[in-house]
Amino acid sequence: MAIADTLRSLASLHMLADNPAQAGHEADEAVAISRERWKADPAAAGDDLAKSLFLAALIQQELPAKCNLAREAATVAHDPQFKDNVSRLLQTCGPR
């Protein structure tokens, strides 16, 4: 989890530094690491994967890809407050 957290932090910093390409690479790597943890233990790693997916969705420029990432985040998240954050992002996606 610490590596995925670090990658998410780096991705956020790179977005603030106006480097979306690097942020996207870091977010993708965080998703890959988090997804492997989630496959091994969905209950323990669901929110971690959701955070990685949510960040990747925020970075993603193409709306269909952004919405797919956000939908997956909503599916794996356990934390109700985090689910609310994802729901707000999904409002920009329109009906499926």
Protein backbone atom coordinates (compact mmCIF):
# COMPACT_ATOMS: atom_id res chain seq x y z
CA MET A 1 0.00 0.00 0.00
CA ALA A 2 2.82 2.45 0.78
CA ILE A 3 4.09 2.34 -2.80
CA ALA A 4 0.64 3.03 -4.23
CA ASP A 5 0.20 5.89 -1.74
CA THR A 6 3.53 7.37 -2.80
CA LEU A 7 2.65 7.05 -6.48
CA ARG A 8 -0.70 8.77 -5.88
CA SER A 9 1.10 11.59 -4.07
CA LEU A 10 3.60 11.95 -6.90
CA ALA A 11 0.78 11.96 -9.45
CA SER A 12 -0.98 14.72 -7.53
CA LEU A 13 2.21 16.77 -7.36
CA HIS A 14 2.81 16.33 -11.07
CA MET A 15 -0.72 17.51 -11.82
CA LEU A 16 -0.09 20.61 -9.72
CA ALA A 17 3.15 21.11 -11.66
CA ASP A 18 1.17 20.91 -14.92
CA ASN A 19 2.74 17.63 -15.99
CA PRO A 20 -0.32 15.46 -16.72
CA ALA A 21 1.65 12.91 -18.76
CA GLN A 22 3.89 12.01 -15.82
CA ALA A 23 0.92 12.13 -13.44
CA GLY A 24 -0.94 9.70 -15.68
CA HIS A 25 1.94 7.22 -15.65
CA GLU A 26 2.15 7.35 -11.86
CA ALA A 27 -1.60 7.00 -11.44
CA ASP A 28 -1.64 4.02 -13.82
CA GLU A 29 1.11 2.34 -11.83
CA ALA A 30 -0.77 3.01 -8.57
CA VAL A 31 -3.87 1.41 -10.12
CA ALA A 32 -1.88 -1.66 -11.20
CA ILE A 33 -0.35 -2.14 -7.74
CA SER A 34 -3.65 -1.52 -5.96
CA ARG A 35 -5.51 -3.86 -8.30
CA GLU A 36 -3.10 -6.72 -7.48
CA ARG A 37 -3.64 -6.14 -3.75
CA TRP A 38 -7.41 -6.00 -4.32
CA LYS A 39 -7.38 -9.33 -6.19
CA ALA A 40 -5.70 -10.92 -3.16
CA ASP A 41 -7.96 -9.30 -0.55
CA PRO A 42 -10.91 -7.24 -1.87
CA ALA A 43 -12.21 -6.34 1.58
CA ALA A 44 -8.90 -4.92 2.78
CA ALA A 45 -7.78 -3.26 -0.46
CA GLY A 46 -11.04 -1.96 -1.94
CA ASP A 47 -10.69 1.62 -0.76
CA ASP A 48 -7.02 1.73 -1.77
CA LEU A 49 -7.90 0.62 -5.31
CA ALA A 50 -10.80 3.07 -5.37
CA LYS A 51 -8.46 5.95 -4.45
CA SER A 52 -6.06 5.01 -7.23
CA LEU A 53 -8.88 4.69 -9.75
CA PHE A 54 -10.41 7.98 -8.65
CA LEU A 55 -7.11 9.82 -9.06
CA ALA A 56 -6.59 8.21 -12.47
CA ALA A 57 -10.11 9.35 -13.42
CA LEU A 58 -9.36 12.92 -12.36
CA ILE A 59 -6.21 12.94 -14.47
CA GLN A 60 -7.80 11.26 -17.50
CA GLN A 61 -8.78 13.73 -20.23
CA GLU A 62 -11.05 11.48 -22.32
CA LEU A 63 -14.55 11.41 -20.84
CA PRO A 64 -15.37 7.73 -21.60
CA ALA A 65 -12.14 6.53 -19.97
CA LYS A 66 -12.63 8.95 -17.04
CA CYS A 67 -16.14 7.60 -16.48
CA ASN A 68 -15.05 3.95 -16.70
CA LEU A 69 -12.38 4.54 -14.06
CA ALA A 70 -14.86 6.35 -11.82
CA ARG A 71 -17.46 3.59 -12.20
CA GLU A 72 -14.91 0.98 -11.21
CA ALA A 73 -13.89 3.11 -8.22
CA ALA A 74 -17.53 3.28 -7.12
CA THR A 75 -17.81 -0.50 -7.41
CA VAL A 76 -14.77 -1.38 -5.29
CA ALA A 77 -14.98 1.39 -2.66
CA HIS A 78 -16.25 0.57 0.82
CA ASP A 79 -16.00 3.98 2.52
CA PRO A 80 -19.39 5.75 2.18
CA GLN A 81 -17.83 9.23 2.15
CA PHE A 82 -15.43 8.21 -0.61
CA LYS A 83 -18.34 6.71 -2.56
CA ASP A 84 -20.02 10.13 -2.35
CA ASN A 85 -16.93 11.77 -3.86
CA VAL A 86 -16.94 9.27 -6.70
CA SER A 87 -20.67 9.81 -7.22
CA ARG A 88 -20.07 13.53 -7.69
CA LEU A 89 -17.51 12.79 -10.39
CA LEU A 90 -19.90 10.34 -12.03
CA GLN A 91 -22.48 13.11 -12.37
CA THR A 92 -20.31 14.56 -15.12
CA CYS A 93 -20.60 11.29 -17.03
CA GLY A 94 -24.30 11.37 -17.75
CA PRO A 95 -26.39 8.22 -18.22
CA ARG A 96 -24.62 5.07 -19.11
